[in-house]
Amino acid sequence: MLEKIKKSEKEWKNILSPDQFYVLRKKGTERPFSGELLENKNKGIYKCAACNNYLFLSESKFDSGSGWPSFSMPIKTENIKLEKDYSMGMNRIEVLCSRCGSHLGHVFDDGPSPSGKRYCINSISLVFQEEK
């Protein structure tokens, strides 16, 4: 079980860039096709930008054409948390980091086999650790 991380909004503001704070803590969304990890094809691990929790392997990343990095499955289901999201007049499933509660993106049922899932994740909410 991962040790949970709890910080005040002030502490998060001191740790994260303003853009990261907007997405990770205020549930914002970066502009499509603007994220630096969108085109990343290197092998490695995608981690939470707020707490370094391991989230996705590069092998599960695919080009969905959506404008955000997309993954077919998390490293471990317990590393993410899913919640219903009815914001902006939509019915979606939000993807959060299970360790620190940061907003990562949303998951949809239009991904590739075998999971059929598309974890559509804000690039700014991730850090990439390249495989050596």
C-alpha atoms as a PDB file:
ATOM      1  CA  MET A   1       0.000   0.000   0.000  1.00  0.00           C
ATOM      2  CA  LEU A   2       1.285   3.426  -0.952  1.00  0.00           C
ATOM      3  CA  GLU A   3       1.797   5.979   1.779  1.00  0.00           C
ATOM      4  CA  LYS A   4      -0.694   8.800   1.187  1.00  0.00           C
ATOM      5  CA  ILE A   5       0.621  12.334   0.783  1.00  0.00           C
ATOM      6  CA  LYS A   6      -1.415  15.218   2.160  1.00  0.00           C
ATOM      7  CA  LYS A   7      -0.395  18.835   1.760  1.00  0.00           C
ATOM      8  CA  SER A   8      -2.170  22.150   2.104  1.00  0.00           C
ATOM      9  CA  GLU A   9      -2.998  24.190  -0.989  1.00  0.00           C
ATOM     10  CA  LYS A  10      -0.217  26.596   0.023  1.00  0.00           C
ATOM     11  CA  GLU A  11       2.314  23.743   0.194  1.00  0.00           C
ATOM     12  CA  TRP A  12       1.231  22.480  -3.260  1.00  0.00           C
ATOM     13  CA  LYS A  13       1.557  26.030  -4.677  1.00  0.00           C
ATOM     14  CA  ASN A  14       5.144  26.171  -3.382  1.00  0.00           C
ATOM     15  CA  ILE A  15       6.033  22.810  -4.958  1.00  0.00           C
ATOM     16  CA  LEU A  16       4.263  22.963  -8.334  1.00  0.00           C
ATOM     17  CA  SER A  17       4.514  25.425 -11.202  1.00  0.00           C
ATOM     18  CA  PRO A  18       1.393  27.584 -11.711  1.00  0.00           C
ATOM     19  CA  ASP A  19       0.372  25.455 -14.723  1.00  0.00           C
ATOM     20  CA  GLN A  20       0.900  22.207 -12.811  1.00  0.00           C
ATOM     21  CA  PHE A  21      -1.071  23.569  -9.849  1.00  0.00           C
ATOM     22  CA  TYR A  22      -3.965  24.500 -12.162  1.00  0.00           C
ATOM     23  CA  VAL A  23      -4.153  20.998 -13.673  1.00  0.00           C
ATOM     24  CA  LEU A  24      -3.129  18.778 -10.751  1.00  0.00           C
ATOM     25  CA  ARG A  25      -4.831  20.571  -7.871  1.00  0.00           C
ATOM     26  CA  LYS A  26      -7.631  22.591  -9.522  1.00  0.00           C
ATOM     27  CA  LYS A  27      -8.631  19.872 -12.021  1.00  0.00           C
ATOM     28  CA  GLY A  28      -7.738  21.951 -15.041  1.00  0.00           C
ATOM     29  CA  THR A  29      -6.888  20.705 -18.520  1.00  0.00           C
ATOM     30  CA  GLU A  30      -3.932  21.663 -20.667  1.00  0.00           C
ATOM     31  CA  ARG A  31      -4.549  22.635 -24.284  1.00  0.00           C
ATOM     32  CA  PRO A  32      -4.625  19.629 -26.634  1.00  0.00           C
ATOM     33  CA  PHE A  33      -1.408  18.954 -28.579  1.00  0.00           C
ATOM     34  CA  SER A  34       0.555  21.262 -26.238  1.00  0.00           C
ATOM     35  CA  GLY A  35       2.104  18.775 -23.793  1.00  0.00           C
ATOM     36  CA  GLU A  36       5.790  17.924 -24.020  1.00  0.00           C
ATOM     37  CA  LEU A  37       5.190  14.202 -23.394  1.00  0.00           C
ATOM     38  CA  LEU A  38       2.560  13.777 -26.111  1.00  0.00           C
ATOM     39  CA  GLU A  39       5.088  12.690 -28.753  1.00  0.00           C
ATOM     40  CA  ASN A  40       7.473  10.914 -26.357  1.00  0.00           C
ATOM     41  CA  LYS A  41       8.314   7.453 -27.749  1.00  0.00           C
ATOM     42  CA  ASN A  42      11.106   6.557 -25.304  1.00  0.00           C
ATOM     43  CA  LYS A  43      10.880   3.517 -23.043  1.00  0.00           C
ATOM     44  CA  GLY A  44      10.327   4.131 -19.366  1.00  0.00           C
ATOM     45  CA  ILE A  45       7.841   5.014 -16.659  1.00  0.00           C
ATOM     46  CA  TYR A  46       5.385   7.885 -16.420  1.00  0.00           C
ATOM     47  CA  LYS A  47       5.037   9.148 -12.853  1.00  0.00           C
ATOM     48  CA  CYS A  48       2.834  11.665 -11.063  1.00  0.00           C
ATOM     49  CA  ALA A  49       4.387  15.141 -11.345  1.00  0.00           C
ATOM     50  CA  ALA A  50       3.265  15.976  -7.804  1.00  0.00           C
ATOM     51  CA  CYS A  51       4.461  12.916  -5.861  1.00  0.00           C
ATOM     52  CA  ASN A  52       6.408  10.594  -8.232  1.00  0.00           C
ATOM     53  CA  ASN A  53       3.886   7.770  -7.876  1.00  0.00           C
ATOM     54  CA  TYR A  54       4.408   5.224 -10.693  1.00  0.00           C
ATOM     55  CA  LEU A  55       1.406   5.488 -13.027  1.00  0.00           C
ATOM     56  CA  PHE A  56       1.959   4.154 -16.568  1.00  0.00           C
ATOM     57  CA  LEU A  57       4.552   2.177 -18.521  1.00  0.00           C
ATOM     58  CA  SER A  58       5.626   3.419 -21.945  1.00  0.00           C
ATOM     59  CA  GLU A  59       4.478   0.077 -23.407  1.00  0.00           C
ATOM     60  CA  SER A  60       0.869   1.017 -22.630  1.00  0.00           C
ATOM     61  CA  LYS A  61       1.112   4.432 -24.356  1.00  0.00           C
ATOM     62  CA  PHE A  62      -0.577   4.827 -27.742  1.00  0.00           C
ATOM     63  CA  ASP A  63      -1.463   7.614 -30.167  1.00  0.00           C
ATOM     64  CA  SER A  64      -5.177   8.239 -29.734  1.00  0.00           C
ATOM     65  CA  GLY A  65      -5.185  11.399 -31.842  1.00  0.00           C
ATOM     66  CA  SER A  66      -6.870  13.214 -28.939  1.00  0.00           C
ATOM     67  CA  GLY A  67      -4.027  15.654 -28.259  1.00  0.00           C
ATOM     68  CA  TRP A  68      -3.126  14.221 -24.851  1.00  0.00           C
ATOM     69  CA  PRO A  69      -0.896  11.276 -23.905  1.00  0.00           C
ATOM     70  CA  SER A  70      -3.063   8.159 -23.855  1.00  0.00           C
ATOM     71  CA  PHE A  71      -2.461   4.853 -22.115  1.00  0.00           C
ATOM     72  CA  SER A  72      -4.319   1.544 -22.249  1.00  0.00           C
ATOM     73  CA  MET A  73      -3.732   0.624 -18.595  1.00  0.00           C
ATOM     74  CA  PRO A  74      -1.999   1.820 -15.423  1.00  0.00           C
ATOM     75  CA  ILE A  75       1.032   0.071 -13.958  1.00  0.00           C
ATOM     76  CA  LYS A  76      -1.173  -1.045 -11.047  1.00  0.00           C
ATOM     77  CA  THR A  77      -4.851  -0.287 -10.597  1.00  0.00           C
ATOM     78  CA  GLU A  78      -4.160   0.710  -6.996  1.00  0.00           C
ATOM     79  CA  ASN A  79      -1.820   3.506  -8.163  1.00  0.00           C
ATOM     80  CA  ILE A  80      -4.742   5.451  -9.585  1.00  0.00           C
ATOM     81  CA  LYS A  81      -8.161   6.348  -8.254  1.00  0.00           C
ATOM     82  CA  LEU A  82     -11.269   6.692 -10.424  1.00  0.00           C
ATOM     83  CA  GLU A  83     -14.137   9.034  -9.561  1.00  0.00           C
ATOM     84  CA  LYS A  84     -17.320  10.078 -11.324  1.00  0.00           C
ATOM     85  CA  ASP A  85     -17.019  13.564 -12.812  1.00  0.00           C
ATOM     86  CA  TYR A  86     -20.144  15.491 -13.796  1.00  0.00           C
ATOM     87  CA  SER A  87     -18.391  18.830 -14.290  1.00  0.00           C
ATOM     88  CA  MET A  88     -18.924  20.954 -17.394  1.00  0.00           C
ATOM     89  CA  GLY A  89     -22.237  19.212 -18.095  1.00  0.00           C
ATOM     90  CA  MET A  90     -20.543  15.913 -18.944  1.00  0.00           C
ATOM     91  CA  ASN A  91     -20.597  12.420 -17.475  1.00  0.00           C
ATOM     92  CA  ARG A  92     -16.980  11.230 -17.295  1.00  0.00           C
ATOM     93  CA  ILE A  93     -14.637   9.199 -15.115  1.00  0.00           C
ATOM     94  CA  GLU A  94     -11.804  11.241 -13.618  1.00  0.00           C
ATOM     95  CA  VAL A  95      -8.365   9.683 -13.090  1.00  0.00           C
ATOM     96  CA  LEU A  96      -6.548  10.754  -9.919  1.00  0.00           C
ATOM     97  CA  CYS A  97      -3.239   9.779  -8.371  1.00  0.00           C
ATOM     98  CA  SER A  98      -4.107   7.447  -5.496  1.00  0.00           C
ATOM     99  CA  ARG A  99      -1.105   8.638  -3.495  1.00  0.00           C
ATOM    100  CA  CYS A 100      -1.600  12.426  -3.487  1.00  0.00           C
ATOM    101  CA  GLY A 101      -5.073  12.888  -4.988  1.00  0.00           C
ATOM    102  CA  SER A 102      -3.846  14.965  -7.930  1.00  0.00           C
ATOM    103  CA  HIS A 103      -6.007  15.224 -11.046  1.00  0.00           C
ATOM    104  CA  LEU A 104      -4.408  13.409 -13.977  1.00  0.00           C
ATOM    105  CA  GLY A 105      -7.122  13.287 -16.640  1.00  0.00           C
ATOM    106  CA  HIS A 106     -10.044  11.041 -17.599  1.00  0.00           C
ATOM    107  CA  VAL A 107     -10.597   7.459 -18.759  1.00  0.00           C
ATOM    108  CA  PHE A 108     -12.821   6.464 -21.672  1.00  0.00           C
ATOM    109  CA  ASP A 109     -14.067   3.152 -23.081  1.00  0.00           C
ATOM    110  CA  ASP A 110     -12.653   3.644 -26.587  1.00  0.00           C
ATOM    111  CA  GLY A 111      -9.106   2.334 -26.168  1.00  0.00           C
ATOM    112  CA  PRO A 112      -7.279  -0.577 -27.770  1.00  0.00           C
ATOM    113  CA  SER A 113      -7.477  -4.246 -26.817  1.00  0.00           C
ATOM    114  CA  PRO A 114      -7.185  -5.952 -24.454  1.00  0.00           C
ATOM    115  CA  SER A 115      -8.381  -3.333 -21.911  1.00  0.00           C
ATOM    116  CA  GLY A 116     -10.568  -1.264 -24.226  1.00  0.00           C
ATOM    117  CA  LYS A 117      -9.635   1.749 -22.075  1.00  0.00           C
ATOM    118  CA  ARG A 118      -8.093   5.092 -23.015  1.00  0.00           C
ATOM    119  CA  TYR A 119      -6.530   6.843 -20.055  1.00  0.00           C
ATOM    120  CA  CYS A 120      -6.351  10.381 -21.456  1.00  0.00           C
ATOM    121  CA  ILE A 121      -3.787  12.113 -19.237  1.00  0.00           C
ATOM    122  CA  ASN A 122      -2.549  15.700 -19.101  1.00  0.00           C
ATOM    123  CA  SER A 123       1.120  15.749 -20.049  1.00  0.00           C
ATOM    124  CA  ILE A 124       1.836  18.395 -17.407  1.00  0.00           C
ATOM    125  CA  SER A 125       0.603  16.035 -14.690  1.00  0.00           C
ATOM    126  CA  LEU A 126       3.329  13.520 -15.591  1.00  0.00           C
ATOM    127  CA  VAL A 127       7.084  13.229 -15.332  1.00  0.00           C
ATOM    128  CA  PHE A 128       8.920  10.671 -17.434  1.00  0.00           C
ATOM    129  CA  GLN A 129      11.704   8.454 -16.155  1.00  0.00           C
ATOM    130  CA  GLU A 130      13.534   6.968 -19.114  1.00  0.00           C
ATOM    131  CA  GLU A 131      14.612   3.336 -18.963  1.00  0.00           C
ATOM    132  CA  LYS A 132      18.387   2.915 -18.814  1.00  0.00           C
END
